[in-house]
Amino acid sequence: MTALCAWLTAHGSSCLELVAVLFGIVSVFLSVREKIWSWPTALVNVALYFVLFYETGLYSDMGLQAVYFVLSLYGWYEWLYGGAGRTTLTVSRTPPRLWAILIAIAIVFWAILGRLTSGLPGVALPYVDAATATTSLVAQYMMTRKLLENWALWIAVDVVYIGMFIFKGLYLTAGNYAVYLGLAVLGHIAWKRSLATSMTAPVIA
């Protein structure tokens, strides 16, 4: 393990980044499968990335990890008890009114976060970082509610993240988000199928 960590450090990465990547991939894969263990593995992932983003000056994404931690706890509870009569939550579509609310919050949050972080020492790509952080936050909330369209947002933001992390030299993390991109496509397909199944299932009185 020491040799691996030394090799990663010599090539611009770290064992911290590797472990964070592995937990992230496992968490998203479990989300695609609608498995409840996606949330505890997400808690480990975001804790590790909080430290990593602090070390690389991506402060918007660092702060985002703290919010992710809270949302992961919330999502864990909602997936277990968020359905009708405190039953398991099922996949649904995002209502138009909720879309309007989320978009309005995202625009305000992006502007404030970009402005606040742009003057911090060592900051990198403050407004791009703020935009990806904001979109990710909205997508993560939608995932806690099992809203199908969360995957469309993840697909869009993952493309931007890949370019940003390559620019910052976080190649393992860029590769991680390339895997996320593929999983997001699979997640959209799987959840759309799950939604169709739940809508055609007979209602038991």
N, C-alpha and C. Protein backbone atom coordinates (compact mmCIF):
# COMPACT_ATOMS: atom_id res chain seq x y z
N MET A 1 0.83 -1.21 0.00
CA MET A 1 0.00 0.00 0.00
C MET A 1 0.87 1.26 0.00
N THR A 2 1.96 1.21 0.78
CA THR A 2 2.87 2.36 0.82
C THR A 2 3.46 2.65 -0.55
N ALA A 3 3.83 1.56 -1.26
CA ALA A 3 4.40 1.71 -2.59
C ALA A 3 3.38 2.30 -3.56
N LEU A 4 2.13 1.86 -3.44
CA LEU A 4 1.07 2.38 -4.31
C LEU A 4 0.85 3.86 -4.05
N CYS A 5 0.81 4.24 -2.77
CA CYS A 5 0.62 5.65 -2.42
C CYS A 5 1.77 6.50 -2.95
N ALA A 6 2.99 5.98 -2.84
CA ALA A 6 4.16 6.70 -3.33
C ALA A 6 4.08 6.87 -4.85
N TRP A 7 3.64 5.83 -5.55
CA TRP A 7 3.51 5.89 -7.01
C TRP A 7 2.45 6.91 -7.40
N LEU A 8 1.32 6.91 -6.70
CA LEU A 8 0.25 7.86 -7.00
C LEU A 8 0.71 9.30 -6.77
N THR A 9 1.43 9.51 -5.66
CA THR A 9 1.94 10.84 -5.36
C THR A 9 2.91 11.32 -6.43
N ALA A 10 3.75 10.41 -6.91
CA ALA A 10 4.73 10.74 -7.94
C ALA A 10 4.05 11.10 -9.26
N HIS A 11 2.84 10.62 -9.44
CA HIS A 11 2.11 10.87 -10.69
C HIS A 11 0.97 11.88 -10.49
N GLY A 12 1.08 12.70 -9.45
CA GLY A 12 0.14 13.80 -9.26
C GLY A 12 -1.17 13.43 -8.60
N SER A 13 -1.23 12.25 -7.96
CA SER A 13 -2.47 11.85 -7.29
C SER A 13 -2.15 11.50 -5.84
N SER A 14 -3.00 10.70 -5.20
CA SER A 14 -2.78 10.32 -3.81
C SER A 14 -3.67 9.14 -3.46
N CYS A 15 -3.34 8.46 -2.37
CA CYS A 15 -4.19 7.37 -1.89
C CYS A 15 -5.53 7.91 -1.42
N LEU A 16 -5.55 9.13 -0.88
CA LEU A 16 -6.80 9.75 -0.48
C LEU A 16 -7.75 9.86 -1.66
N GLU A 17 -7.23 10.33 -2.80
CA GLU A 17 -8.06 10.46 -3.99
C GLU A 17 -8.53 9.10 -4.49
N LEU A 18 -7.64 8.10 -4.44
CA LEU A 18 -7.99 6.76 -4.92
C LEU A 18 -9.14 6.17 -4.10
N VAL A 19 -9.03 6.25 -2.77
CA VAL A 19 -10.07 5.69 -1.90
C VAL A 19 -11.39 6.44 -2.09
N ALA A 20 -11.31 7.77 -2.24
CA ALA A 20 -12.51 8.57 -2.48
C ALA A 20 -13.18 8.16 -3.79
N VAL A 21 -12.36 7.94 -4.81
CA VAL A 21 -12.88 7.51 -6.11
C VAL A 21 -13.60 6.17 -5.99
N LEU A 22 -12.99 5.22 -5.31
CA LEU A 22 -13.58 3.89 -5.19
C LEU A 22 -14.91 3.92 -4.46
N PHE A 23 -14.97 4.67 -3.36
CA PHE A 23 -16.23 4.78 -2.63
C PHE A 23 -17.28 5.50 -3.46
N GLY A 24 -16.86 6.49 -4.25
CA GLY A 24 -17.81 7.20 -5.09
C GLY A 24 -18.43 6.31 -6.16
N ILE A 25 -17.59 5.50 -6.80
CA ILE A 25 -18.09 4.60 -7.84
C ILE A 25 -19.06 3.57 -7.25
N VAL A 26 -18.69 3.01 -6.11
CA VAL A 26 -19.56 2.03 -5.45
C VAL A 26 -20.90 2.67 -5.08
N SER A 27 -20.85 3.89 -4.54
CA SER A 27 -22.07 4.57 -4.13
C SER A 27 -23.01 4.83 -5.30
N VAL A 28 -22.46 5.34 -6.41
CA VAL A 28 -23.30 5.64 -7.58
C VAL A 28 -23.84 4.35 -8.20
N PHE A 29 -23.02 3.32 -8.25
CA PHE A 29 -23.49 2.03 -8.78
C PHE A 29 -24.67 1.51 -7.97
N LEU A 30 -24.58 1.63 -6.64
CA LEU A 30 -25.67 1.18 -5.77
C LEU A 30 -26.91 2.06 -5.96
N SER A 31 -26.71 3.35 -6.26
CA SER A 31 -27.84 4.25 -6.53
C SER A 31 -28.57 3.83 -7.80
N VAL A 32 -27.80 3.47 -8.82
CA VAL A 32 -28.38 2.99 -10.07
C VAL A 32 -29.29 1.79 -9.80
N ARG A 33 -28.83 0.92 -8.87
CA ARG A 33 -29.59 -0.29 -8.54
C ARG A 33 -30.67 -0.04 -7.48
N GLU A 34 -30.80 1.22 -7.04
CA GLU A 34 -31.75 1.60 -5.99
C GLU A 34 -31.51 0.85 -4.68
N LYS A 35 -30.24 0.64 -4.35
CA LYS A 35 -29.86 -0.05 -3.12
C LYS A 35 -29.59 0.95 -2.01
N ILE A 36 -30.12 0.68 -0.83
CA ILE A 36 -30.01 1.62 0.29
C ILE A 36 -28.57 1.85 0.73
N TRP A 37 -27.69 0.89 0.47
CA TRP A 37 -26.28 1.04 0.87
C TRP A 37 -25.56 2.11 0.07
N SER A 38 -26.22 2.68 -0.92
CA SER A 38 -25.62 3.80 -1.65
C SER A 38 -25.38 4.98 -0.73
N TRP A 39 -26.21 5.12 0.31
CA TRP A 39 -26.10 6.29 1.18
C TRP A 39 -24.95 6.20 2.19
N PRO A 40 -24.78 5.10 2.93
CA PRO A 40 -23.61 5.05 3.82
C PRO A 40 -22.28 5.11 3.08
N THR A 41 -22.20 4.50 1.89
CA THR A 41 -20.95 4.61 1.13
C THR A 41 -20.75 6.03 0.62
N ALA A 42 -21.85 6.74 0.36
CA ALA A 42 -21.76 8.15 -0.05
C ALA A 42 -21.21 9.00 1.09
N LEU A 43 -21.55 8.68 2.33
CA LEU A 43 -21.06 9.44 3.48
C LEU A 43 -19.54 9.37 3.56
N VAL A 44 -18.99 8.20 3.31
CA VAL A 44 -17.52 8.05 3.32
C VAL A 44 -16.91 8.83 2.16
N ASN A 45 -17.51 8.71 1.00
CA ASN A 45 -17.02 9.39 -0.20
C ASN A 45 -16.94 10.90 -0.01
N VAL A 46 -18.00 11.51 0.50
CA VAL A 46 -18.02 12.97 0.62
C VAL A 46 -17.06 13.47 1.71
N ALA A 47 -16.89 12.68 2.75
CA ALA A 47 -15.94 13.07 3.80
C ALA A 47 -14.51 13.13 3.25
N LEU A 48 -14.16 12.16 2.43
CA LEU A 48 -12.82 12.12 1.84
C LEU A 48 -12.64 13.26 0.83
N TYR A 49 -13.65 13.53 0.03
CA TYR A 49 -13.55 14.59 -0.96
C TYR A 49 -13.53 15.98 -0.32
N PHE A 50 -14.14 16.12 0.85
CA PHE A 50 -14.07 17.39 1.57
C PHE A 50 -12.61 17.76 1.82
N VAL A 51 -11.83 16.79 2.27
CA VAL A 51 -10.41 17.01 2.54
C VAL A 51 -9.65 17.27 1.23
N LEU A 52 -9.94 16.47 0.20
CA LEU A 52 -9.23 16.59 -1.07
C LEU A 52 -9.46 17.95 -1.73
N PHE A 53 -10.70 18.42 -1.73
CA PHE A 53 -11.01 19.70 -2.37
C PHE A 53 -10.44 20.87 -1.58
N TYR A 54 -10.34 20.71 -0.26
CA TYR A 54 -9.68 21.74 0.54
C TYR A 54 -8.22 21.88 0.13
N GLU A 55 -7.57 20.74 -0.09
CA GLU A 55 -6.15 20.74 -0.44
C GLU A 55 -5.89 21.29 -1.83
N THR A 56 -6.90 21.26 -2.72
CA THR A 56 -6.70 21.70 -4.11
C THR A 56 -7.36 23.04 -4.42
N GLY A 57 -7.94 23.69 -3.43
CA GLY A 57 -8.49 25.03 -3.62
C GLY A 57 -9.84 25.09 -4.30
N LEU A 58 -10.54 23.96 -4.42
CA LEU A 58 -11.88 23.96 -5.01
C LEU A 58 -12.89 24.13 -3.87
N TYR A 59 -13.00 25.39 -3.39
CA TYR A 59 -13.73 25.63 -2.16
C TYR A 59 -15.23 25.45 -2.29
N SER A 60 -15.79 25.77 -3.46
CA SER A 60 -17.23 25.54 -3.64
C SER A 60 -17.54 24.06 -3.52
N ASP A 61 -16.73 23.24 -4.16
CA ASP A 61 -16.97 21.80 -4.09
C ASP A 61 -16.63 21.25 -2.71
N MET A 62 -15.70 21.88 -2.00
CA MET A 62 -15.41 21.47 -0.63
C MET A 62 -16.64 21.69 0.25
N GLY A 63 -17.22 22.88 0.15
CA GLY A 63 -18.43 23.16 0.92
C GLY A 63 -19.59 22.28 0.51
N LEU A 64 -19.63 21.94 -0.77
CA LEU A 64 -20.69 21.09 -1.28
C LEU A 64 -20.68 19.72 -0.60
N GLN A 65 -19.48 19.23 -0.28
CA GLN A 65 -19.39 17.92 0.37
C GLN A 65 -20.08 17.90 1.73
N ALA A 66 -19.99 19.02 2.45
CA ALA A 66 -20.67 19.11 3.75
C ALA A 66 -22.18 19.03 3.56
N VAL A 67 -22.69 19.70 2.52
CA VAL A 67 -24.12 19.65 2.23
C VAL A 67 -24.50 18.24 1.78
N TYR A 68 -23.65 17.62 0.94
CA TYR A 68 -23.88 16.24 0.52
C TYR A 68 -24.01 15.31 1.72
N PHE A 69 -23.18 15.54 2.73
CA PHE A 69 -23.20 14.67 3.91
C PHE A 69 -24.58 14.71 4.55
N VAL A 70 -25.11 15.92 4.71
CA VAL A 70 -26.44 16.07 5.30
C VAL A 70 -27.51 15.46 4.38
N LEU A 71 -27.40 15.73 3.08
CA LEU A 71 -28.37 15.18 2.13
C LEU A 71 -28.31 13.65 2.06
N SER A 72 -27.13 13.09 2.26
CA SER A 72 -27.00 11.64 2.25
C SER A 72 -27.72 11.02 3.44
N LEU A 73 -27.64 11.67 4.59
CA LEU A 73 -28.39 11.21 5.76
C LEU A 73 -29.89 11.32 5.49
N TYR A 74 -30.29 12.45 4.89
CA TYR A 74 -31.70 12.66 4.55
C TYR A 74 -32.18 11.64 3.52
N GLY A 75 -31.35 11.41 2.48
CA GLY A 75 -31.71 10.45 1.45
C GLY A 75 -31.84 9.04 1.99
N TRP A 76 -30.96 8.68 2.90
CA TRP A 76 -31.01 7.37 3.54
C TRP A 76 -32.38 7.17 4.21
N TYR A 77 -32.80 8.19 4.95
CA TYR A 77 -34.10 8.12 5.63
C TYR A 77 -35.25 8.09 4.62
N GLU A 78 -35.20 8.98 3.62
CA GLU A 78 -36.29 9.10 2.65
C GLU A 78 -36.47 7.82 1.84
N TRP A 79 -35.38 7.21 1.42
CA TRP A 79 -35.50 5.98 0.63
C TRP A 79 -36.15 4.87 1.44
N LEU A 80 -35.94 4.90 2.74
CA LEU A 80 -36.53 3.87 3.60
C LEU A 80 -37.99 4.15 3.96
N TYR A 81 -38.31 5.44 4.22
CA TYR A 81 -39.61 5.77 4.79
C TYR A 81 -40.36 6.88 4.05
N GLY A 82 -39.86 7.33 2.89
CA GLY A 82 -40.45 8.48 2.21
C GLY A 82 -41.65 8.18 1.34
N GLY A 83 -42.02 6.92 1.20
CA GLY A 83 -43.18 6.58 0.39
C GLY A 83 -44.49 6.76 1.15
N ALA A 84 -45.59 6.49 0.48
CA ALA A 84 -46.90 6.62 1.10
C ALA A 84 -46.99 5.71 2.32
N GLY A 85 -47.46 6.27 3.44
CA GLY A 85 -47.59 5.48 4.65
C GLY A 85 -46.25 5.05 5.22
N ARG A 86 -45.21 5.89 5.02
CA ARG A 86 -43.85 5.62 5.52
C ARG A 86 -43.28 4.31 4.95
N THR A 87 -43.61 4.03 3.68
CA THR A 87 -43.09 2.86 3.01
C THR A 87 -41.86 3.25 2.18
N THR A 88 -41.25 2.28 1.53
CA THR A 88 -40.08 2.52 0.70
C THR A 88 -40.43 3.46 -0.46
N LEU A 89 -39.58 4.44 -0.69
CA LEU A 89 -39.81 5.43 -1.74
C LEU A 89 -39.63 4.80 -3.12
N THR A 90 -40.48 5.19 -4.08
CA THR A 90 -40.36 4.70 -5.46
C THR A 90 -40.01 5.86 -6.39
N VAL A 91 -39.56 5.53 -7.59
CA VAL A 91 -39.16 6.54 -8.57
C VAL A 91 -40.38 7.30 -9.08
N SER A 92 -40.22 8.63 -9.23
CA SER A 92 -41.29 9.46 -9.77
C SER A 92 -40.67 10.57 -10.62
N ARG A 93 -41.52 11.34 -11.29
CA ARG A 93 -41.04 12.46 -12.11
C ARG A 93 -41.10 13.76 -11.31
N THR A 94 -40.31 14.74 -11.75
CA THR A 94 -40.25 16.03 -11.07
C THR A 94 -41.41 16.91 -11.51
N PRO A 95 -42.24 17.36 -10.57
CA PRO A 95 -43.37 18.24 -10.93
C PRO A 95 -42.86 19.58 -11.47
N PRO A 96 -43.57 20.20 -12.42
CA PRO A 96 -43.15 21.49 -12.99
C PRO A 96 -42.92 22.57 -11.94
N ARG A 97 -43.78 22.62 -10.93
CA ARG A 97 -43.63 23.65 -9.89
C ARG A 97 -42.31 23.46 -9.13
N LEU A 98 -41.96 22.23 -8.83
CA LEU A 98 -40.69 21.96 -8.14
C LEU A 98 -39.51 22.32 -9.02
N TRP A 99 -39.62 22.04 -10.33
CA TRP A 99 -38.56 22.44 -11.27
C TRP A 99 -38.33 23.95 -11.19
N ALA A 100 -39.39 24.73 -11.20
CA ALA A 100 -39.28 26.20 -11.17
C ALA A 100 -38.60 26.66 -9.88
N ILE A 101 -38.97 26.04 -8.77
CA ILE A 101 -38.37 26.40 -7.47
C ILE A 101 -36.89 26.06 -7.45
N LEU A 102 -36.55 24.87 -7.92
CA LEU A 102 -35.15 24.42 -7.90
C LEU A 102 -34.27 25.28 -8.81
N ILE A 103 -34.78 25.65 -9.99
CA ILE A 103 -34.02 26.49 -10.92
C ILE A 103 -33.77 27.87 -10.31
N ALA A 104 -34.80 28.44 -9.69
CA ALA A 104 -34.66 29.76 -9.08
C ALA A 104 -33.63 29.73 -7.95
N ILE A 105 -33.70 28.72 -7.10
CA ILE A 105 -32.74 28.57 -6.00
C ILE A 105 -31.33 28.39 -6.55
N ALA A 106 -31.20 27.59 -7.61
CA ALA A 106 -29.89 27.30 -8.19
C ALA A 106 -29.23 28.56 -8.73
N ILE A 107 -29.99 29.40 -9.42
CA ILE A 107 -29.43 30.63 -10.00
C ILE A 107 -28.93 31.56 -8.90
N VAL A 108 -29.73 31.73 -7.87
CA VAL A 108 -29.34 32.61 -6.76
C VAL A 108 -28.12 32.04 -6.04
N PHE A 109 -28.14 30.75 -5.77
CA PHE A 109 -27.04 30.10 -5.06
C PHE A 109 -25.75 30.18 -5.86
N TRP A 110 -25.84 29.96 -7.19
CA TRP A 110 -24.65 30.03 -8.05
C TRP A 110 -24.03 31.42 -8.01
N ALA A 111 -24.86 32.46 -8.13
CA ALA A 111 -24.35 33.83 -8.15
C ALA A 111 -23.67 34.19 -6.83
N ILE A 112 -24.32 33.82 -5.72
CA ILE A 112 -23.76 34.13 -4.40
C ILE A 112 -22.47 33.35 -4.16
N LEU A 113 -22.49 32.06 -4.46
CA LEU A 113 -21.32 31.21 -4.19
C LEU A 113 -20.14 31.62 -5.06
N GLY A 114 -20.39 31.91 -6.32
CA GLY A 114 -19.32 32.35 -7.21
C GLY A 114 -18.69 33.64 -6.74
N ARG A 115 -19.54 34.56 -6.31
CA ARG A 115 -19.02 35.86 -5.82
C ARG A 115 -18.22 35.69 -4.53
N LEU A 116 -18.71 34.88 -3.62
CA LEU A 116 -18.04 34.70 -2.34
C LEU A 116 -16.69 34.01 -2.47
N THR A 117 -16.60 33.03 -3.37
CA THR A 117 -15.37 32.25 -3.49
C THR A 117 -14.35 32.87 -4.44
N SER A 118 -14.79 33.80 -5.29
CA SER A 118 -13.88 34.36 -6.29
C SER A 118 -12.71 35.14 -5.68
N GLY A 119 -12.90 35.63 -4.47
CA GLY A 119 -11.83 36.40 -3.84
C GLY A 119 -10.97 35.62 -2.86
N LEU A 120 -11.24 34.32 -2.71
CA LEU A 120 -10.48 33.52 -1.76
C LEU A 120 -9.10 33.18 -2.30
N PRO A 121 -8.08 33.13 -1.45
CA PRO A 121 -6.73 32.81 -1.92
C PRO A 121 -6.65 31.38 -2.43
N GLY A 122 -6.00 31.21 -3.57
CA GLY A 122 -5.81 29.88 -4.14
C GLY A 122 -7.02 29.31 -4.83
N VAL A 123 -8.07 30.12 -5.00
CA VAL A 123 -9.30 29.62 -5.61
C VAL A 123 -9.06 29.29 -7.08
N ALA A 124 -9.74 28.26 -7.56
CA ALA A 124 -9.62 27.84 -8.96
C ALA A 124 -11.00 27.83 -9.62
N LEU A 125 -11.12 28.49 -10.78
CA LEU A 125 -12.35 28.49 -11.57
C LEU A 125 -13.59 28.73 -10.71
N PRO A 126 -13.65 29.86 -10.00
CA PRO A 126 -14.71 30.04 -9.00
C PRO A 126 -16.13 29.94 -9.53
N TYR A 127 -16.41 30.55 -10.70
CA TYR A 127 -17.80 30.53 -11.19
C TYR A 127 -18.17 29.20 -11.84
N VAL A 128 -17.19 28.56 -12.48
CA VAL A 128 -17.45 27.22 -13.02
C VAL A 128 -17.64 26.25 -11.86
N ASP A 129 -16.76 26.36 -10.86
CA ASP A 129 -16.86 25.52 -9.68
C ASP A 129 -18.19 25.73 -8.98
N ALA A 130 -18.62 26.99 -8.87
CA ALA A 130 -19.90 27.30 -8.23
C ALA A 130 -21.08 26.73 -9.02
N ALA A 131 -20.98 26.78 -10.36
CA ALA A 131 -22.06 26.26 -11.21
C ALA A 131 -22.19 24.75 -11.08
N THR A 132 -21.05 24.05 -11.10
CA THR A 132 -21.11 22.59 -10.96
C THR A 132 -21.57 22.20 -9.56
N ALA A 133 -21.13 22.97 -8.57
CA ALA A 133 -21.53 22.69 -7.19
C ALA A 133 -23.04 22.87 -7.03
N THR A 134 -23.57 23.96 -7.60
CA THR A 134 -25.00 24.26 -7.50
C THR A 134 -25.84 23.20 -8.20
N THR A 135 -25.45 22.85 -9.43
CA THR A 135 -26.19 21.84 -10.18
C THR A 135 -26.14 20.50 -9.49
N SER A 136 -24.98 20.17 -8.93
CA SER A 136 -24.83 18.90 -8.22
C SER A 136 -25.72 18.86 -6.99
N LEU A 137 -25.83 19.99 -6.31
CA LEU A 137 -26.66 20.07 -5.12
C LEU A 137 -28.13 19.81 -5.46
N VAL A 138 -28.58 20.43 -6.55
CA VAL A 138 -29.96 20.21 -6.99
C VAL A 138 -30.18 18.75 -7.38
N ALA A 139 -29.22 18.19 -8.13
CA ALA A 139 -29.33 16.80 -8.56
C ALA A 139 -29.34 15.84 -7.36
N GLN A 140 -28.51 16.15 -6.36
CA GLN A 140 -28.45 15.29 -5.19
C GLN A 140 -29.76 15.33 -4.40
N TYR A 141 -30.33 16.53 -4.27
CA TYR A 141 -31.64 16.62 -3.60
C TYR A 141 -32.68 15.79 -4.35
N MET A 142 -32.67 15.92 -5.68
CA MET A 142 -33.63 15.17 -6.49
C MET A 142 -33.43 13.66 -6.33
N MET A 143 -32.18 13.25 -6.15
CA MET A 143 -31.92 11.83 -5.94
C MET A 143 -32.48 11.35 -4.61
N THR A 144 -32.40 12.21 -3.57
CA THR A 144 -32.95 11.80 -2.27
C THR A 144 -34.44 11.55 -2.36
N ARG A 145 -35.10 12.22 -3.32
CA ARG A 145 -36.55 12.05 -3.51
C ARG A 145 -36.86 11.04 -4.62
N LYS A 146 -35.83 10.39 -5.16
CA LYS A 146 -35.97 9.43 -6.26
C LYS A 146 -36.71 10.03 -7.45
N LEU A 147 -36.32 11.25 -7.81
CA LEU A 147 -36.89 11.90 -8.99
C LEU A 147 -36.05 11.52 -10.20
N LEU A 148 -36.67 10.98 -11.21
CA LEU A 148 -35.98 10.43 -12.37
C LEU A 148 -35.00 11.41 -13.00
N GLU A 149 -35.38 12.68 -13.09
CA GLU A 149 -34.59 13.66 -13.83
C GLU A 149 -33.26 14.02 -13.17
N ASN A 150 -33.03 13.52 -11.96
CA ASN A 150 -31.73 13.78 -11.33
C ASN A 150 -30.60 13.28 -12.21
N TRP A 151 -30.84 12.18 -12.93
CA TRP A 151 -29.77 11.60 -13.75
C TRP A 151 -29.42 12.49 -14.93
N ALA A 152 -30.40 13.20 -15.49
CA ALA A 152 -30.12 14.12 -16.60
C ALA A 152 -29.19 15.24 -16.13
N LEU A 153 -29.43 15.75 -14.92
CA LEU A 153 -28.55 16.78 -14.38
C LEU A 153 -27.16 16.23 -14.12
N TRP A 154 -27.07 15.02 -13.59
CA TRP A 154 -25.75 14.43 -13.35
C TRP A 154 -24.98 14.23 -14.65
N ILE A 155 -25.66 13.84 -15.71
CA ILE A 155 -24.99 13.66 -17.00
C ILE A 155 -24.37 14.97 -17.45
N ALA A 156 -25.14 16.07 -17.35
CA ALA A 156 -24.64 17.38 -17.78
C ALA A 156 -23.47 17.84 -16.92
N VAL A 157 -23.60 17.73 -15.60
CA VAL A 157 -22.57 18.24 -14.71
C VAL A 157 -21.31 17.38 -14.75
N ASP A 158 -21.47 16.08 -14.97
CA ASP A 158 -20.30 15.20 -15.03
C ASP A 158 -19.39 15.55 -16.20
N VAL A 159 -19.98 15.94 -17.33
CA VAL A 159 -19.19 16.34 -18.49
C VAL A 159 -18.30 17.54 -18.14
N VAL A 160 -18.89 18.52 -17.44
CA VAL A 160 -18.12 19.71 -17.04
C VAL A 160 -17.06 19.34 -16.01
N TYR A 161 -17.44 18.51 -15.06
CA TYR A 161 -16.49 18.09 -14.02
C TYR A 161 -15.26 17.41 -14.62
N ILE A 162 -15.46 16.58 -15.61
CA ILE A 162 -14.33 15.86 -16.22
C ILE A 162 -13.29 16.85 -16.74
N GLY A 163 -13.76 17.86 -17.47
CA GLY A 163 -12.85 18.88 -17.98
C GLY A 163 -12.18 19.68 -16.87
N MET A 164 -12.93 20.02 -15.83
CA MET A 164 -12.39 20.83 -14.74
C MET A 164 -11.32 20.07 -13.97
N PHE A 165 -11.55 18.80 -13.71
CA PHE A 165 -10.59 18.03 -12.93
C PHE A 165 -9.33 17.71 -13.74
N ILE A 166 -9.48 17.57 -15.05
CA ILE A 166 -8.29 17.41 -15.89
C ILE A 166 -7.46 18.68 -15.84
N PHE A 167 -8.12 19.82 -15.91
CA PHE A 167 -7.44 21.12 -15.82
C PHE A 167 -6.69 21.27 -14.51
N LYS A 168 -7.27 20.76 -13.41
CA LYS A 168 -6.65 20.86 -12.10
C LYS A 168 -5.63 19.76 -11.82
N GLY A 169 -5.47 18.82 -12.76
CA GLY A 169 -4.50 17.75 -12.58
C GLY A 169 -4.99 16.62 -11.69
N LEU A 170 -6.28 16.58 -11.41
CA LEU A 170 -6.85 15.49 -10.60
C LEU A 170 -7.34 14.39 -11.56
N TYR A 171 -6.38 13.67 -12.11
CA TYR A 171 -6.69 12.74 -13.19
C TYR A 171 -7.52 11.54 -12.73
N LEU A 172 -7.23 11.05 -11.51
CA LEU A 172 -8.04 9.96 -10.99
C LEU A 172 -9.49 10.40 -10.80
N THR A 173 -9.67 11.60 -10.28
CA THR A 173 -11.01 12.12 -10.07
C THR A 173 -11.71 12.37 -11.41
N ALA A 174 -10.96 12.84 -12.42
CA ALA A 174 -11.54 13.01 -13.76
C ALA A 174 -12.00 11.67 -14.31
N GLY A 175 -11.16 10.63 -14.12
CA GLY A 175 -11.55 9.29 -14.54
C GLY A 175 -12.76 8.80 -13.77
N ASN A 176 -12.79 9.15 -12.47
CA ASN A 176 -13.93 8.79 -11.64
C ASN A 176 -15.21 9.38 -12.21
N TYR A 177 -15.16 10.65 -12.61
CA TYR A 177 -16.36 11.30 -13.14
C TYR A 177 -16.72 10.79 -14.53
N ALA A 178 -15.75 10.26 -15.25
CA ALA A 178 -16.07 9.61 -16.52
C ALA A 178 -16.88 8.34 -16.26
N VAL A 179 -16.51 7.62 -15.19
CA VAL A 179 -17.29 6.45 -14.79
C VAL A 179 -18.67 6.88 -14.32
N TYR A 180 -18.72 7.98 -13.53
CA TYR A 180 -20.01 8.53 -13.09
C TYR A 180 -20.90 8.85 -14.28
N LEU A 181 -20.30 9.41 -15.32
CA LEU A 181 -21.07 9.77 -16.51
C LEU A 181 -21.73 8.53 -17.11
N GLY A 182 -20.96 7.47 -17.24
CA GLY A 182 -21.53 6.22 -17.76
C GLY A 182 -22.61 5.67 -16.84
N LEU A 183 -22.36 5.72 -15.52
CA LEU A 183 -23.35 5.23 -14.57
C LEU A 183 -24.61 6.08 -14.57
N ALA A 184 -24.46 7.39 -14.79
CA ALA A 184 -25.62 8.27 -14.84
C ALA A 184 -26.53 7.91 -16.02
N VAL A 185 -25.91 7.58 -17.15
CA VAL A 185 -26.70 7.14 -18.31
C VAL A 185 -27.44 5.85 -17.98
N LEU A 186 -26.72 4.91 -17.36
CA LEU A 186 -27.35 3.65 -16.96
C LEU A 186 -28.43 3.89 -15.90
N GLY A 187 -28.16 4.84 -14.98
CA GLY A 187 -29.13 5.15 -13.95
C GLY A 187 -30.43 5.68 -14.52
N HIS A 188 -30.31 6.56 -15.53
CA HIS A 188 -31.51 7.11 -16.17
C HIS A 188 -32.33 5.99 -16.81
N ILE A 189 -31.64 5.08 -17.48
CA ILE A 189 -32.33 3.97 -18.14
C ILE A 189 -33.00 3.06 -17.12
N ALA A 190 -32.26 2.72 -16.05
CA ALA A 190 -32.77 1.80 -15.04
C ALA A 190 -33.94 2.41 -14.27
N TRP A 191 -33.82 3.70 -13.90
CA TRP A 191 -34.89 4.33 -13.13
C TRP A 191 -36.12 4.58 -14.00
N LYS A 192 -35.91 4.84 -15.28
CA LYS A 192 -37.06 5.01 -16.17
C LYS A 192 -37.83 3.71 -16.29
N ARG A 193 -37.09 2.60 -16.34
CA ARG A 193 -37.73 1.29 -16.37
C ARG A 193 -38.45 1.01 -15.06
N SER A 194 -37.82 1.40 -13.95
CA SER A 194 -38.44 1.22 -12.63
C SER A 194 -39.73 2.02 -12.50
N LEU A 195 -39.70 3.26 -13.04
CA LEU A 195 -40.90 4.11 -13.00
C LEU A 195 -42.03 3.48 -13.81
N ALA A 196 -41.69 2.98 -14.99
CA ALA A 196 -42.71 2.35 -15.84
C ALA A 196 -43.31 1.14 -15.15
N THR A 197 -42.47 0.37 -14.47
CA THR A 197 -42.93 -0.83 -13.76
C THR A 197 -43.88 -0.46 -12.63
N SER A 198 -43.52 0.58 -11.86
CA SER A 198 -44.36 0.98 -10.72
C SER A 198 -45.71 1.55 -11.18
N MET A 199 -45.72 2.21 -12.35
CA MET A 199 -46.93 2.81 -12.86
C MET A 199 -47.90 1.76 -13.41
N THR A 200 -47.37 0.63 -13.85
CA THR A 200 -48.22 -0.42 -14.42
C THR A 200 -48.54 -1.51 -13.42
N ALA A 201 -47.92 -1.44 -12.22
CA ALA A 201 -48.17 -2.46 -11.21
C ALA A 201 -49.61 -2.35 -10.69
N PRO A 202 -50.25 -3.46 -10.44
CA PRO A 202 -51.63 -3.42 -9.92
C PRO A 202 -51.66 -2.86 -8.51
N VAL A 203 -52.70 -2.08 -8.21
CA VAL A 203 -52.89 -1.51 -6.88
C VAL A 203 -53.58 -2.52 -5.99
N ILE A 204 -52.97 -2.81 -4.84
CA ILE A 204 -53.56 -3.77 -3.89
C ILE A 204 -54.33 -3.00 -2.84
N ALA A 205 -55.62 -3.24 -2.78
CA ALA A 205 -56.48 -2.52 -1.84
C ALA A 205 -56.27 -3.02 -0.42
